[in-house]
Protein backbone atom coordinates (compact mmCIF):
# COMPACT_ATOMS: atom_id res chain seq x y z
CA MET A 1 30.03 -0.17 32.88
CA GLN A 2 28.60 -0.84 30.06
CA THR A 3 26.55 -4.26 30.25
CA ASN A 4 25.74 -6.24 26.91
CA TYR A 5 21.71 -5.06 28.26
CA ASP A 6 22.46 -0.94 28.20
CA ILE A 7 24.31 -1.93 24.18
CA SER A 8 21.17 -3.94 23.84
CA GLN A 9 18.49 -0.75 24.53
CA ARG A 10 19.93 1.97 22.93
CA GLU A 11 20.70 -0.66 19.64
CA SER A 12 17.08 -1.69 19.48
CA THR A 13 16.26 1.86 20.13
CA GLY A 14 18.60 3.36 17.21
CA ILE A 15 16.83 0.56 15.52
CA ALA A 16 13.29 1.71 16.13
CA GLY A 17 14.74 5.27 15.30
CA GLN A 18 15.51 4.27 12.23
CA GLN A 19 12.06 2.72 11.50
CA ASN A 20 9.61 5.11 12.67
CA ARG A 21 12.47 7.97 10.75
CA VAL A 22 11.52 5.74 6.95
CA LEU A 23 7.79 5.73 8.06
CA ARG A 24 7.06 9.17 9.17
CA ASN A 25 9.21 10.16 5.42
CA THR A 26 6.91 7.82 3.30
CA TYR A 27 3.82 9.34 4.63
CA MET A 28 5.70 13.07 4.20
CA LEU A 29 6.72 12.21 0.32
CA LEU A 30 3.67 10.54 0.09
CA GLY A 31 1.51 13.63 0.61
CA LEU A 32 3.70 14.77 -1.50
CA SER A 33 2.98 12.74 -4.49
CA MET A 34 -0.65 12.71 -4.72
CA ILE A 35 0.07 16.86 -5.98
CA PRO A 36 1.37 16.33 -8.89
CA THR A 37 -0.73 12.85 -9.65
CA VAL A 38 -4.37 15.50 -8.90
CA LEU A 39 -2.19 17.94 -11.76
CA GLY A 40 -1.75 15.27 -14.30
CA ALA A 41 -5.85 13.82 -13.53
CA LEU A 42 -7.17 17.30 -14.10
CA ALA A 43 -4.75 17.88 -17.48
CA GLY A 44 -6.12 15.12 -18.97
CA VAL A 45 -9.06 15.52 -18.07
CA GLN A 46 -9.38 19.57 -19.56
CA MET A 47 -7.58 17.88 -22.17
CA GLY A 48 -9.67 14.80 -22.94
CA PHE A 49 -6.59 12.88 -23.10
CA SER A 50 -7.18 9.31 -24.13
CA PHE A 51 -4.34 6.81 -23.95
CA LEU A 52 -4.08 4.86 -27.73
CA ALA A 53 -8.12 4.62 -27.28
CA GLY A 54 -8.27 2.17 -30.26
CA SER A 55 -5.77 0.35 -29.50
CA PRO A 56 -6.80 -1.70 -26.00
CA PHE A 57 -3.46 -4.32 -25.40
CA LEU A 58 -0.81 -1.84 -27.35
CA ALA A 59 -2.18 0.84 -24.89
CA PHE A 60 -1.83 -1.51 -21.97
CA ALA A 61 1.51 -2.67 -23.29
CA LEU A 62 2.54 0.71 -24.08
CA PHE A 63 1.65 2.14 -20.13
CA LEU A 64 3.12 -1.09 -18.56
CA GLY A 65 6.43 -0.26 -20.05
CA ILE A 66 6.28 2.73 -19.19
CA ALA A 67 5.78 2.67 -16.10
CA TRP A 68 8.36 -0.29 -15.79
CA GLY A 69 10.86 2.19 -16.67
CA PHE A 70 9.71 3.89 -14.50
CA MET A 71 9.98 2.42 -11.33
CA TRP A 72 13.21 1.02 -13.06
CA GLY A 73 14.35 4.16 -12.74
CA ILE A 74 12.86 5.10 -9.45
CA GLU A 75 14.33 1.37 -7.49
CA LYS A 76 17.67 2.18 -9.63
CA ASN A 77 18.28 5.88 -8.52
CA LYS A 78 16.69 5.38 -4.61
CA ASN A 79 19.50 6.70 -2.55
CA SER A 80 19.63 10.34 -4.30
CA SER A 81 17.42 13.11 -4.84
CA LEU A 82 16.89 11.98 -8.87
CA GLY A 83 14.85 9.05 -7.51
CA VAL A 84 13.48 11.72 -5.52
CA ALA A 85 12.11 13.01 -8.59
CA LEU A 86 11.54 10.62 -11.06
CA LEU A 87 9.09 9.58 -8.02
CA LEU A 88 6.92 13.31 -8.64
CA ALA A 89 7.81 11.97 -12.79
CA PHE A 90 5.92 9.24 -12.61
CA THR A 91 3.13 10.13 -9.79
CA PHE A 92 2.53 12.91 -12.82
CA PHE A 93 2.58 10.36 -15.58
CA MET A 94 0.31 8.33 -13.79
CA GLY A 95 -2.42 11.24 -12.65
CA LEU A 96 -2.89 11.87 -16.82
CA MET A 97 -3.90 8.45 -16.99
CA LEU A 98 -5.49 8.34 -14.35
CA SER A 99 -7.93 10.88 -16.51
CA ARG A 100 -9.43 8.98 -17.95
CA ILE A 101 -11.29 7.01 -16.11
CA LEU A 102 -12.31 10.04 -14.21
CA GLN A 103 -13.71 11.66 -17.61
CA VAL A 104 -16.13 8.61 -17.77
CA ALA A 105 -16.95 8.74 -14.27
CA LEU A 106 -18.13 12.89 -15.27
CA GLY A 107 -19.94 11.87 -17.42
CA PHE A 108 -22.58 10.30 -14.94
CA SER A 109 -25.26 12.09 -13.73
CA ASN A 110 -23.39 12.28 -9.65
CA GLY A 111 -19.90 11.54 -11.18
CA THR A 112 -18.94 13.94 -8.61
CA GLY A 113 -19.68 12.37 -5.29
CA MET A 114 -18.78 8.80 -7.45
CA ILE A 115 -14.96 10.42 -7.29
CA ALA A 116 -15.59 11.36 -4.73
CA LEU A 117 -16.98 7.97 -2.64
CA ALA A 118 -13.81 6.16 -3.83
CA ALA A 119 -11.75 9.31 -2.59
CA GLY A 120 -12.99 9.41 1.03
CA GLY A 121 -12.92 5.04 0.85
CA THR A 122 -9.65 5.38 -0.17
CA GLY A 123 -8.60 6.93 2.40
CA ALA A 124 -10.62 4.56 5.14
CA ILE A 125 -8.41 1.84 3.81
CA PHE A 126 -5.44 3.00 4.02
CA LEU A 127 -6.82 4.64 7.35
CA THR A 128 -7.15 1.54 8.68
CA MET A 129 -4.66 -0.78 6.99
CA SER A 130 -1.84 1.67 8.09
CA THR A 131 -3.51 1.74 11.52
CA ILE A 132 -3.24 -1.60 11.35
CA ALA A 133 0.53 -2.42 10.66
CA THR A 134 1.33 -0.23 13.14
CA VAL A 135 -0.34 -0.86 16.06
CA SER A 136 -0.81 -4.30 16.56
CA LYS A 137 3.23 -4.66 15.58
CA ARG A 138 2.80 -8.56 14.17
CA ASP A 139 4.98 -8.98 11.51
CA PHE A 140 2.66 -9.22 7.93
CA SER A 141 5.35 -9.91 5.67
CA GLY A 142 4.09 -13.58 5.90
CA MET A 143 1.17 -12.06 3.59
CA GLY A 144 4.24 -11.65 0.10
CA LYS A 145 3.77 -14.51 -1.67
CA PHE A 146 0.43 -15.30 -1.93
CA LEU A 147 -0.43 -11.82 -3.01
CA PHE A 148 2.09 -12.11 -5.89
CA ALA A 149 1.09 -14.94 -6.79
CA GLY A 150 -2.75 -12.54 -6.48
CA ALA A 151 -0.75 -10.13 -8.68
CA ILE A 152 -0.26 -12.62 -11.18
CA LEU A 153 -3.75 -13.86 -11.73
CA VAL A 154 -4.40 -10.16 -11.56
CA LEU A 155 -2.73 -8.86 -14.35
CA LEU A 156 -3.70 -12.16 -16.97
CA ALA A 157 -7.41 -11.95 -15.95
CA ILE A 158 -6.66 -8.48 -17.28
CA VAL A 159 -5.10 -8.40 -20.58
CA GLY A 160 -7.32 -12.05 -21.18
CA ASN A 161 -10.00 -9.04 -21.06
CA LEU A 162 -8.64 -7.55 -22.56
CA PHE A 163 -9.51 -9.23 -25.57
CA PHE A 164 -13.10 -10.60 -24.04
CA GLN A 165 -14.20 -7.89 -22.52
CA ILE A 166 -16.42 -9.51 -20.31
CA PRO A 167 -17.85 -6.50 -18.21
CA ALA A 168 -18.75 -10.02 -14.85
CA LEU A 169 -15.10 -10.21 -15.02
CA SER A 170 -14.38 -6.90 -15.42
CA LEU A 171 -16.16 -6.12 -11.88
CA ALA A 172 -14.89 -9.96 -10.14
CA ILE A 173 -11.17 -8.02 -11.50
CA ALA A 174 -11.91 -4.76 -10.01
CA ALA A 175 -13.49 -7.03 -6.62
CA ALA A 176 -10.11 -8.63 -6.19
CA VAL A 177 -7.83 -5.51 -7.29
CA VAL A 178 -9.51 -4.34 -4.08
CA LEU A 179 -9.12 -6.77 -2.17
CA ILE A 180 -4.89 -8.17 -2.63
CA PHE A 181 -4.17 -4.34 -2.77
CA SER A 182 -5.87 -3.15 -0.03
CA ALA A 183 -4.04 -5.64 2.42
CA TYR A 184 -0.72 -5.11 0.22
CA ILE A 185 -1.23 -1.86 2.27
CA LEU A 186 -0.72 -3.98 5.65
CA TYR A 187 1.68 -5.36 4.04
CA ASP A 188 3.82 -2.76 3.11
CA ILE A 189 3.67 -0.16 5.65
CA SER A 190 4.30 -3.51 8.56
CA ARG A 191 7.88 -4.42 6.40
CA ILE A 192 8.21 -0.31 6.94
CA VAL A 193 7.62 -1.23 10.80
CA GLN A 194 9.33 -3.81 11.70
CA GLY A 195 12.25 -3.12 9.84
CA GLY A 196 11.46 -4.61 5.93
CA GLU A 197 12.00 -1.80 4.30
CA THR A 198 14.65 1.09 5.28
CA ASN A 199 14.71 2.80 2.56
CA TYR A 200 11.34 6.00 1.94
CA VAL A 201 11.26 6.46 -1.69
CA SER A 202 11.35 2.72 -2.23
CA ALA A 203 8.47 2.72 0.10
CA THR A 204 6.78 4.87 -1.02
CA LEU A 205 6.50 4.50 -4.44
CA ALA A 206 4.70 0.50 -3.17
CA VAL A 207 1.96 2.66 -1.08
CA TYR A 208 1.61 4.90 -4.29
CA LEU A 209 0.82 1.84 -6.16
CA ASP A 210 -0.93 -0.11 -3.27
CA ILE A 211 -3.85 3.46 -3.10
CA TYR A 212 -3.57 4.21 -6.28
CA ASN A 213 -4.60 0.36 -7.49
CA VAL A 214 -7.98 0.58 -4.38
CA PHE A 215 -8.83 3.91 -5.57
CA VAL A 216 -9.49 2.88 -9.49
CA SER A 217 -10.77 -0.43 -8.35
CA LEU A 218 -13.67 0.73 -5.96
CA LEU A 219 -14.53 3.41 -8.81
CA GLN A 220 -14.63 0.91 -11.39
CA LEU A 221 -16.73 -1.16 -8.55
CA ILE A 222 -19.57 1.81 -7.27
CA MET A 223 -19.36 3.87 -11.11
CA ALA A 224 -21.08 0.67 -11.88
CA LEU A 225 -22.85 -0.16 -8.85
CA THR A 226 -24.74 3.29 -8.67
CA GLY A 227 -23.55 5.17 -11.95
CA GLU A 228 -26.88 7.34 -12.93
CA ARG A 229 -26.80 8.99 -16.56
CA ASP A 230 -29.12 11.85 -17.57
């Protein structure tokens, strides 16, 4: 005869198993998503890709429109293989967009080293934050509202700086992005661990964007502080 305790234990085990499965699938798809990102970046660098470089505001607005269109499609189809396909296509697009800052970095004599340092730093941040989220078992969901408000402020600052082009503000924005999206990694991984996110496609999209933003902004800071011209 089963007791309420037995039933509760079985339910807890089932929930924990589901959370571990979502986390495992998220990490696997996240690793897979890096392949089209790298391919897109390499293609962009080889082609000298420049996305409406003469009109920064129009380029930014168009980029956001395309990115949000992809994200809408991914969320709409997150329970099917189409969602995975759209996610991989999106990461290729993001890799293509990444190629512009990589071209700038490679214009420095120590460009390859700076890119490697940014990649290593991003990996260290991801490892640290994901470990805290999974090992501590604490619920970091309370951070969500503050992080969202911070992301909106950063977005407004980016739009403003498209007009003013203030170098010091660009560095401040980059530093803020690193801090905010590093915290977002902790928040998003914690949501999976706590059962707040049960779809690995949605989870992968969120964590991918966190990592992408940390890498780009970290590279911007490294270039500003350590870039060496020939």
